[in-house]
PDB file of N, CA and C in Angstrom:
ATOM      1  N   MET A   1      -0.900  -9.064 -25.130  1.00  0.00           N
ATOM      2  CA  MET A   1      -1.590  -8.126 -24.262  1.00  0.00           C
ATOM      3  C   MET A   1      -1.155  -8.386 -22.822  1.00  0.00           C
ATOM      4  N   LYS A   2      -0.868  -7.320 -22.101  1.00  0.00           N
ATOM      5  CA  LYS A   2      -0.480  -7.454 -20.699  1.00  0.00           C
ATOM      6  C   LYS A   2      -1.699  -7.777 -19.844  1.00  0.00           C
ATOM      7  N   HIS A   3      -1.462  -8.574 -18.815  1.00  0.00           N
ATOM      8  CA  HIS A   3      -2.487  -8.890 -17.828  1.00  0.00           C
ATOM      9  C   HIS A   3      -1.920  -8.555 -16.449  1.00  0.00           C
ATOM     10  N   PHE A   4      -2.793  -8.139 -15.571  1.00  0.00           N
ATOM     11  CA  PHE A   4      -2.357  -7.737 -14.246  1.00  0.00           C
ATOM     12  C   PHE A   4      -3.135  -8.474 -13.170  1.00  0.00           C
ATOM     13  N   GLN A   5      -2.489  -8.653 -12.041  1.00  0.00           N
ATOM     14  CA  GLN A   5      -3.123  -9.146 -10.821  1.00  0.00           C
ATOM     15  C   GLN A   5      -3.232  -7.951  -9.890  1.00  0.00           C
ATOM     16  N   TYR A   6      -4.243  -7.973  -9.057  1.00  0.00           N
ATOM     17  CA  TYR A   6      -4.422  -6.909  -8.069  1.00  0.00           C
ATOM     18  C   TYR A   6      -4.583  -7.529  -6.691  1.00  0.00           C
ATOM     19  N   LYS A   7      -4.117  -6.828  -5.690  1.00  0.00           N
ATOM     20  CA  LYS A   7      -4.209  -7.307  -4.313  1.00  0.00           C
ATOM     21  C   LYS A   7      -4.488  -6.109  -3.418  1.00  0.00           C
ATOM     22  N   ILE A   8      -5.293  -6.328  -2.400  1.00  0.00           N
ATOM     23  CA  ILE A   8      -5.545  -5.309  -1.389  1.00  0.00           C
ATOM     24  C   ILE A   8      -5.123  -5.900  -0.054  1.00  0.00           C
ATOM     25  N   SER A   9      -4.221  -5.230   0.634  1.00  0.00           N
ATOM     26  CA  SER A   9      -3.800  -5.712   1.949  1.00  0.00           C
ATOM     27  C   SER A   9      -4.295  -4.728   3.008  1.00  0.00           C
ATOM     28  N   ARG A  10      -4.818  -5.295   4.100  1.00  0.00           N
ATOM     29  CA  ARG A  10      -5.316  -4.472   5.214  1.00  0.00           C
ATOM     30  C   ARG A  10      -4.307  -4.495   6.347  1.00  0.00           C
ATOM     31  N   HIS A  11      -4.155  -3.361   6.994  1.00  0.00           N
ATOM     32  CA  HIS A  11      -3.210  -3.237   8.098  1.00  0.00           C
ATOM     33  C   HIS A  11      -3.890  -2.470   9.219  1.00  0.00           C
ATOM     34  N   SER A  12      -3.802  -3.003  10.417  1.00  0.00           N
ATOM     35  CA  SER A  12      -4.468  -2.358  11.548  1.00  0.00           C
ATOM     36  C   SER A  12      -3.687  -1.137  12.007  1.00  0.00           C
ATOM     37  N   SER A  13      -4.367  -0.283  12.724  1.00  0.00           N
ATOM     38  CA  SER A  13      -3.706   0.910  13.254  1.00  0.00           C
ATOM     39  C   SER A  13      -2.618   0.538  14.256  1.00  0.00           C
ATOM     40  N   ASP A  14      -2.622  -0.699  14.761  1.00  0.00           N
ATOM     41  CA  ASP A  14      -1.579  -1.152  15.682  1.00  0.00           C
ATOM     42  C   ASP A  14      -0.206  -1.200  15.013  1.00  0.00           C
ATOM     43  N   GLU A  15      -0.187  -1.383  13.681  1.00  0.00           N
ATOM     44  CA  GLU A  15       1.092  -1.468  12.977  1.00  0.00           C
ATOM     45  C   GLU A  15       1.791  -0.112  12.899  1.00  0.00           C
ATOM     46  N   LEU A  16       1.023   0.946  12.780  1.00  0.00           N
ATOM     47  CA  LEU A  16       1.576   2.296  12.716  1.00  0.00           C
ATOM     48  C   LEU A  16       0.842   3.145  13.738  1.00  0.00           C
ATOM     49  N   THR A  17       1.200   2.998  14.985  1.00  0.00           N
ATOM     50  CA  THR A  17       0.455   3.616  16.078  1.00  0.00           C
ATOM     51  C   THR A  17       0.613   5.125  16.167  1.00  0.00           C
ATOM     52  N   GLN A  18       1.688   5.664  15.630  1.00  0.00           N
ATOM     53  CA  GLN A  18       1.923   7.091  15.789  1.00  0.00           C
ATOM     54  C   GLN A  18       1.805   7.873  14.487  1.00  0.00           C
ATOM     55  N   LEU A  19       1.329   7.226  13.444  1.00  0.00           N
ATOM     56  CA  LEU A  19       1.148   7.910  12.178  1.00  0.00           C
ATOM     57  C   LEU A  19      -0.059   8.826  12.281  1.00  0.00           C
ATOM     58  N   VAL A  20       0.115  10.075  11.931  1.00  0.00           N
ATOM     59  CA  VAL A  20      -0.988  11.031  11.973  1.00  0.00           C
ATOM     60  C   VAL A  20      -1.251  11.478  10.542  1.00  0.00           C
ATOM     61  N   TYR A  21      -2.417  11.120  10.035  1.00  0.00           N
ATOM     62  CA  TYR A  21      -2.808  11.462   8.669  1.00  0.00           C
ATOM     63  C   TYR A  21      -4.151  12.137   8.754  1.00  0.00           C
ATOM     64  N   PHE A  22      -4.277  13.267   8.157  1.00  0.00           N
ATOM     65  CA  PHE A  22      -5.555  13.963   8.259  1.00  0.00           C
ATOM     66  C   PHE A  22      -5.845  14.753   7.000  1.00  0.00           C
ATOM     67  N   CYS A  23      -7.125  15.065   6.799  1.00  0.00           N
ATOM     68  CA  CYS A  23      -7.564  15.890   5.683  1.00  0.00           C
ATOM     69  C   CYS A  23      -8.301  17.103   6.235  1.00  0.00           C
ATOM     70  N   SER A  24      -7.997  18.248   5.697  1.00  0.00           N
ATOM     71  CA  SER A  24      -8.659  19.482   6.119  1.00  0.00           C
ATOM     72  C   SER A  24     -10.030  19.581   5.445  1.00  0.00           C
ATOM     73  N   PRO A  25     -10.882  20.465   5.930  1.00  0.00           N
ATOM     74  CA  PRO A  25     -12.209  20.626   5.326  1.00  0.00           C
ATOM     75  C   PRO A  25     -12.179  20.956   3.830  1.00  0.00           C
ATOM     76  N   ASP A  26     -11.094  21.601   3.367  1.00  0.00           N
ATOM     77  CA  ASP A  26     -11.023  21.932   1.942  1.00  0.00           C
ATOM     78  C   ASP A  26     -10.422  20.811   1.099  1.00  0.00           C
ATOM     79  N   GLY A  27     -10.164  19.633   1.739  1.00  0.00           N
ATOM     80  CA  GLY A  27      -9.709  18.456   1.002  1.00  0.00           C
ATOM     81  C   GLY A  27      -8.211  18.285   0.900  1.00  0.00           C
ATOM     82  N   GLN A  28      -7.432  19.145   1.535  1.00  0.00           N
ATOM     83  CA  GLN A  28      -5.984  19.001   1.539  1.00  0.00           C
ATOM     84  C   GLN A  28      -5.590  17.957   2.572  1.00  0.00           C
ATOM     85  N   CYS A  29      -4.855  16.937   2.135  1.00  0.00           N
ATOM     86  CA  CYS A  29      -4.466  15.854   3.046  1.00  0.00           C
ATOM     87  C   CYS A  29      -2.950  15.858   3.220  1.00  0.00           C
ATOM     88  N   SER A  30      -2.508  15.515   4.425  1.00  0.00           N
ATOM     89  CA  SER A  30      -1.074  15.460   4.684  1.00  0.00           C
ATOM     90  C   SER A  30      -0.793  14.525   5.842  1.00  0.00           C
ATOM     91  N   MET A  31       0.479  14.174   5.976  1.00  0.00           N
ATOM     92  CA  MET A  31       0.931  13.376   7.101  1.00  0.00           C
ATOM     93  C   MET A  31       1.738  14.286   8.003  1.00  0.00           C
ATOM     94  N   GLU A  32       1.501  14.186   9.285  1.00  0.00           N
ATOM     95  CA  GLU A  32       2.194  15.013  10.260  1.00  0.00           C
ATOM     96  C   GLU A  32       2.732  14.134  11.389  1.00  0.00           C
ATOM     97  N   SER A  33       3.733  14.611  12.070  1.00  0.00           N
ATOM     98  CA  SER A  33       4.254  13.975  13.285  1.00  0.00           C
ATOM     99  C   SER A  33       4.548  12.493  13.088  1.00  0.00           C
ATOM    100  N   ILE A  34       5.353  12.179  12.103  1.00  0.00           N
ATOM    101  CA  ILE A  34       5.662  10.776  11.839  1.00  0.00           C
ATOM    102  C   ILE A  34       7.046  10.455  12.382  1.00  0.00           C
ATOM    103  N   PRO A  35       7.116   9.683  13.471  1.00  0.00           N
ATOM    104  CA  PRO A  35       8.418   9.283  14.013  1.00  0.00           C
ATOM    105  C   PRO A  35       9.159   8.386  13.013  1.00  0.00           C
ATOM    106  N   VAL A  36      10.472   8.404  13.085  1.00  0.00           N
ATOM    107  CA  VAL A  36      11.309   7.638  12.164  1.00  0.00           C
ATOM    108  C   VAL A  36      10.944   6.164  12.180  1.00  0.00           C
ATOM    109  N   ASN A  37      10.697   5.576  13.351  1.00  0.00           N
ATOM    110  CA  ASN A  37      10.397   4.141  13.396  1.00  0.00           C
ATOM    111  C   ASN A  37       9.081   3.817  12.685  1.00  0.00           C
ATOM    112  N   GLN A  38       8.145   4.761  12.661  1.00  0.00           N
ATOM    113  CA  GLN A  38       6.883   4.532  11.970  1.00  0.00           C
ATOM    114  C   GLN A  38       7.082   4.607  10.449  1.00  0.00           C
ATOM    115  N   MET A  39       7.930   5.524   9.998  1.00  0.00           N
ATOM    116  CA  MET A  39       8.263   5.604   8.571  1.00  0.00           C
ATOM    117  C   MET A  39       8.980   4.333   8.136  1.00  0.00           C
ATOM    118  N   GLU A  40       9.858   3.826   8.996  1.00  0.00           N
ATOM    119  CA  GLU A  40      10.571   2.588   8.681  1.00  0.00           C
ATOM    120  C   GLU A  40       9.613   1.409   8.586  1.00  0.00           C
ATOM    121  N   LYS A  41       8.592   1.377   9.447  1.00  0.00           N
ATOM    122  CA  LYS A  41       7.598   0.302   9.399  1.00  0.00           C
ATOM    123  C   LYS A  41       6.820   0.354   8.084  1.00  0.00           C
ATOM    124  N   MET A  42       6.397   1.546   7.670  1.00  0.00           N
ATOM    125  CA  MET A  42       5.693   1.683   6.399  1.00  0.00           C
ATOM    126  C   MET A  42       6.601   1.268   5.247  1.00  0.00           C
ATOM    127  N   GLN A  43       7.840   1.678   5.300  1.00  0.00           N
ATOM    128  CA  GLN A  43       8.818   1.305   4.273  1.00  0.00           C
ATOM    129  C   GLN A  43       8.982  -0.210   4.217  1.00  0.00           C
ATOM    130  N   GLU A  44       9.029  -0.858   5.374  1.00  0.00           N
ATOM    131  CA  GLU A  44       9.155  -2.314   5.455  1.00  0.00           C
ATOM    132  C   GLU A  44       7.959  -3.002   4.776  1.00  0.00           C
ATOM    133  N   ILE A  45       6.761  -2.517   5.038  1.00  0.00           N
ATOM    134  CA  ILE A  45       5.560  -3.082   4.422  1.00  0.00           C
ATOM    135  C   ILE A  45       5.622  -2.943   2.902  1.00  0.00           C
ATOM    136  N   LEU A  46       6.005  -1.765   2.431  1.00  0.00           N
ATOM    137  CA  LEU A  46       6.082  -1.528   0.985  1.00  0.00           C
ATOM    138  C   LEU A  46       7.194  -2.350   0.341  1.00  0.00           C
ATOM    139  N   ASN A  47       8.340  -2.458   0.997  1.00  0.00           N
ATOM    140  CA  ASN A  47       9.442  -3.255   0.446  1.00  0.00           C
ATOM    141  C   ASN A  47       9.098  -4.738   0.376  1.00  0.00           C
ATOM    142  N   GLU A  48       8.366  -5.248   1.357  1.00  0.00           N
ATOM    143  CA  GLU A  48       7.951  -6.653   1.325  1.00  0.00           C
ATOM    144  C   GLU A  48       7.067  -6.922   0.108  1.00  0.00           C
ATOM    145  N   GLY A  49       6.128  -6.021  -0.141  1.00  0.00           N
ATOM    146  CA  GLY A  49       5.288  -6.170  -1.335  1.00  0.00           C
ATOM    147  C   GLY A  49       6.114  -6.090  -2.605  1.00  0.00           C
ATOM    148  N   GLY A  50       7.058  -5.162  -2.642  1.00  0.00           N
ATOM    149  CA  GLY A  50       7.923  -5.010  -3.809  1.00  0.00           C
ATOM    150  C   GLY A  50       8.766  -6.240  -4.081  1.00  0.00           C
ATOM    151  N   LYS A  51       9.253  -6.895  -3.030  1.00  0.00           N
ATOM    152  CA  LYS A  51      10.047  -8.116  -3.195  1.00  0.00           C
ATOM    153  C   LYS A  51       9.236  -9.220  -3.846  1.00  0.00           C
ATOM    154  N   GLU A  52       7.929  -9.195  -3.638  1.00  0.00           N
ATOM    155  CA  GLU A  52       7.036 -10.199  -4.220  1.00  0.00           C
ATOM    156  C   GLU A  52       6.545  -9.783  -5.607  1.00  0.00           C
ATOM    157  N   GLY A  53       7.070  -8.665  -6.108  1.00  0.00           N
ATOM    158  CA  GLY A  53       6.711  -8.211  -7.437  1.00  0.00           C
ATOM    159  C   GLY A  53       5.509  -7.287  -7.498  1.00  0.00           C
ATOM    160  N   TRP A  54       4.976  -6.890  -6.328  1.00  0.00           N
ATOM    161  CA  TRP A  54       3.814  -6.013  -6.292  1.00  0.00           C
ATOM    162  C   TRP A  54       4.247  -4.562  -6.408  1.00  0.00           C
ATOM    163  N   GLU A  55       3.472  -3.791  -7.153  1.00  0.00           N
ATOM    164  CA  GLU A  55       3.699  -2.357  -7.300  1.00  0.00           C
ATOM    165  C   GLU A  55       2.600  -1.618  -6.549  1.00  0.00           C
ATOM    166  N   LEU A  56       2.982  -0.626  -5.756  1.00  0.00           N
ATOM    167  CA  LEU A  56       2.022   0.174  -5.018  1.00  0.00           C
ATOM    168  C   LEU A  56       1.166   0.985  -5.979  1.00  0.00           C
ATOM    169  N   ILE A  57      -0.149   0.916  -5.776  1.00  0.00           N
ATOM    170  CA  ILE A  57      -1.064   1.770  -6.533  1.00  0.00           C
ATOM    171  C   ILE A  57      -1.513   2.924  -5.649  1.00  0.00           C
ATOM    172  N   GLN A  58      -1.967   2.594  -4.435  1.00  0.00           N
ATOM    173  CA  GLN A  58      -2.495   3.630  -3.549  1.00  0.00           C
ATOM    174  C   GLN A  58      -2.537   3.112  -2.120  1.00  0.00           C
ATOM    175  N   VAL A  59      -2.458   4.036  -1.168  1.00  0.00           N
ATOM    176  CA  VAL A  59      -2.654   3.740   0.247  1.00  0.00           C
ATOM    177  C   VAL A  59      -3.831   4.586   0.709  1.00  0.00           C
ATOM    178  N   ALA A  60      -4.778   3.961   1.392  1.00  0.00           N
ATOM    179  CA  ALA A  60      -5.934   4.690   1.926  1.00  0.00           C
ATOM    180  C   ALA A  60      -5.951   4.515   3.434  1.00  0.00           C
ATOM    181  N   PHE A  61      -6.014   5.632   4.149  1.00  0.00           N
ATOM    182  CA  PHE A  61      -5.983   5.628   5.600  1.00  0.00           C
ATOM    183  C   PHE A  61      -7.384   5.806   6.168  1.00  0.00           C
ATOM    184  N   GLY A  62      -7.639   5.154   7.287  1.00  0.00           N
ATOM    185  CA  GLY A  62      -8.886   5.311   8.019  1.00  0.00           C
ATOM    186  C   GLY A  62      -8.596   5.312   9.500  1.00  0.00           C
ATOM    187  N   LYS A  63      -9.620   5.491  10.317  1.00  0.00           N
ATOM    188  CA  LYS A  63      -9.396   5.594  11.757  1.00  0.00           C
ATOM    189  C   LYS A  63      -8.917   4.290  12.387  1.00  0.00           C
ATOM    190  N   ASP A  64      -9.218   3.148  11.764  1.00  0.00           N
ATOM    191  CA  ASP A  64      -8.832   1.855  12.328  1.00  0.00           C
ATOM    192  C   ASP A  64      -7.602   1.249  11.667  1.00  0.00           C
ATOM    193  N   GLY A  65      -7.054   1.928  10.685  1.00  0.00           N
ATOM    194  CA  GLY A  65      -5.884   1.395  10.001  1.00  0.00           C
ATOM    195  C   GLY A  65      -5.803   1.905   8.581  1.00  0.00           C
ATOM    196  N   PHE A  66      -5.220   1.097   7.714  1.00  0.00           N
ATOM    197  CA  PHE A  66      -5.069   1.513   6.326  1.00  0.00           C
ATOM    198  C   PHE A  66      -5.092   0.297   5.415  1.00  0.00           C
ATOM    199  N   VAL A  67      -5.392   0.544   4.156  1.00  0.00           N
ATOM    200  CA  VAL A  67      -5.351  -0.505   3.144  1.00  0.00           C
ATOM    201  C   VAL A  67      -4.376  -0.066   2.060  1.00  0.00           C
ATOM    202  N   ILE A  68      -3.711  -1.054   1.482  1.00  0.00           N
ATOM    203  CA  ILE A  68      -2.776  -0.792   0.402  1.00  0.00           C
ATOM    204  C   ILE A  68      -3.275  -1.536  -0.831  1.00  0.00           C
ATOM    205  N   PHE A  69      -3.336  -0.829  -1.933  1.00  0.00           N
ATOM    206  CA  PHE A  69      -3.754  -1.402  -3.206  1.00  0.00           C
ATOM    207  C   PHE A  69      -2.494  -1.649  -4.032  1.00  0.00           C
ATOM    208  N   TRP A  70      -2.346  -2.885  -4.515  1.00  0.00           N
ATOM    209  CA  TRP A  70      -1.156  -3.324  -5.240  1.00  0.00           C
ATOM    210  C   TRP A  70      -1.549  -3.874  -6.607  1.00  0.00           C
ATOM    211  N   LYS A  71      -0.584  -3.890  -7.522  1.00  0.00           N
ATOM    212  CA  LYS A  71      -0.766  -4.608  -8.787  1.00  0.00           C
ATOM    213  C   LYS A  71       0.571  -5.164  -9.232  1.00  0.00           C
ATOM    214  N   ARG A  72       0.500  -6.222 -10.024  1.00  0.00           N
ATOM    215  CA  ARG A  72       1.696  -6.762 -10.659  1.00  0.00           C
ATOM    216  C   ARG A  72       1.290  -7.400 -11.973  1.00  0.00           C
ATOM    217  N   GLU A  73       2.237  -7.433 -12.864  1.00  0.00           N
ATOM    218  CA  GLU A  73       1.974  -7.991 -14.178  1.00  0.00           C
ATOM    219  C   GLU A  73       1.922  -9.509 -14.098  1.00  0.00           C
ATOM    220  N   GLY A  74       1.050 -10.108 -14.910  1.00  0.00           N
ATOM    221  CA  GLY A  74       0.968 -11.558 -15.004  1.00  0.00           C
ATOM    222  C   GLY A  74      -0.242 -12.107 -14.291  1.00  0.00           C
ATOM    223  N   GLY A  75      -0.363 -13.417 -14.356  1.00  0.00           N
ATOM    224  CA  GLY A  75      -1.447 -14.092 -13.647  1.00  0.00           C
ATOM    225  C   GLY A  75      -2.791 -14.021 -14.330  1.00  0.00           C
ATOM    226  N   GLY A  76      -2.850 -13.404 -15.513  1.00  0.00           N
ATOM    227  CA  GLY A  76      -4.115 -13.304 -16.214  1.00  0.00           C
ATOM    228  C   GLY A  76      -4.528 -14.640 -16.807  1.00  0.00           C
ATOM    229  N   VAL A  77      -5.803 -14.797 -17.044  1.00  0.00           N
ATOM    230  CA  VAL A  77      -6.341 -16.033 -17.623  1.00  0.00           C
ATOM    231  C   VAL A  77      -5.733 -16.288 -18.988  1.00  0.00           C
ATOM    232  N   HIS A  78      -5.434 -15.225 -19.718  1.00  0.00           N
ATOM    233  CA  HIS A  78      -4.934 -15.358 -21.072  1.00  0.00           C
ATOM    234  C   HIS A  78      -3.423 -15.176 -21.156  1.00  0.00           C
ATOM    235  N   GLU A  79      -2.752 -15.360 -20.023  1.00  0.00           N
ATOM    236  CA  GLU A  79      -1.299 -15.163 -19.994  1.00  0.00           C
ATOM    237  C   GLU A  79      -0.633 -16.145 -20.955  1.00  0.00           C
ATOM    238  N   ASN A  80       0.321 -15.653 -21.719  1.00  0.00           N
ATOM    239  CA  ASN A  80       1.023 -16.460 -22.694  1.00  0.00           C
ATOM    240  C   ASN A  80       2.149 -17.207 -21.985  1.00  0.00           C
ATOM    241  N   ASN A  81       2.045 -18.540 -21.919  1.00  0.00           N
ATOM    242  CA  ASN A  81       3.035 -19.348 -21.200  1.00  0.00           C
ATOM    243  C   ASN A  81       3.940 -20.111 -22.144  1.00  0.00           C
ATOM    244  N   GLN A  82       4.288 -19.551 -23.280  1.00  0.00           N
ATOM    245  CA  GLN A  82       5.160 -20.238 -24.216  1.00  0.00           C
ATOM    246  C   GLN A  82       6.593 -20.199 -23.719  1.00  0.00           C
ATOM    247  N   ASP A  83       7.284 -21.306 -23.815  1.00  0.00           N
ATOM    248  CA  ASP A  83       8.699 -21.377 -23.409  1.00  0.00           C
ATOM    249  C   ASP A  83       9.603 -21.206 -24.604  1.00  0.00           C
TER     250      ASP A  83
END
């Protein structure tokens, strides 16, 4: 049986100062006015997690920053460690 680890990382709005993410009253959400350097910063954050074996589950944005939800296989209490 597969086991997964989960991690939540918090990032302040200082990391992506020019990212504009908004939701309309009818619930449609989009990103607007994203400068290239801000996209590169987000890419850097995601690639760092990926190098450590983490898979992106979701990103949630708020007025003070954003959180990233990650998962990776392994680390479970019942993980099979047979060599």
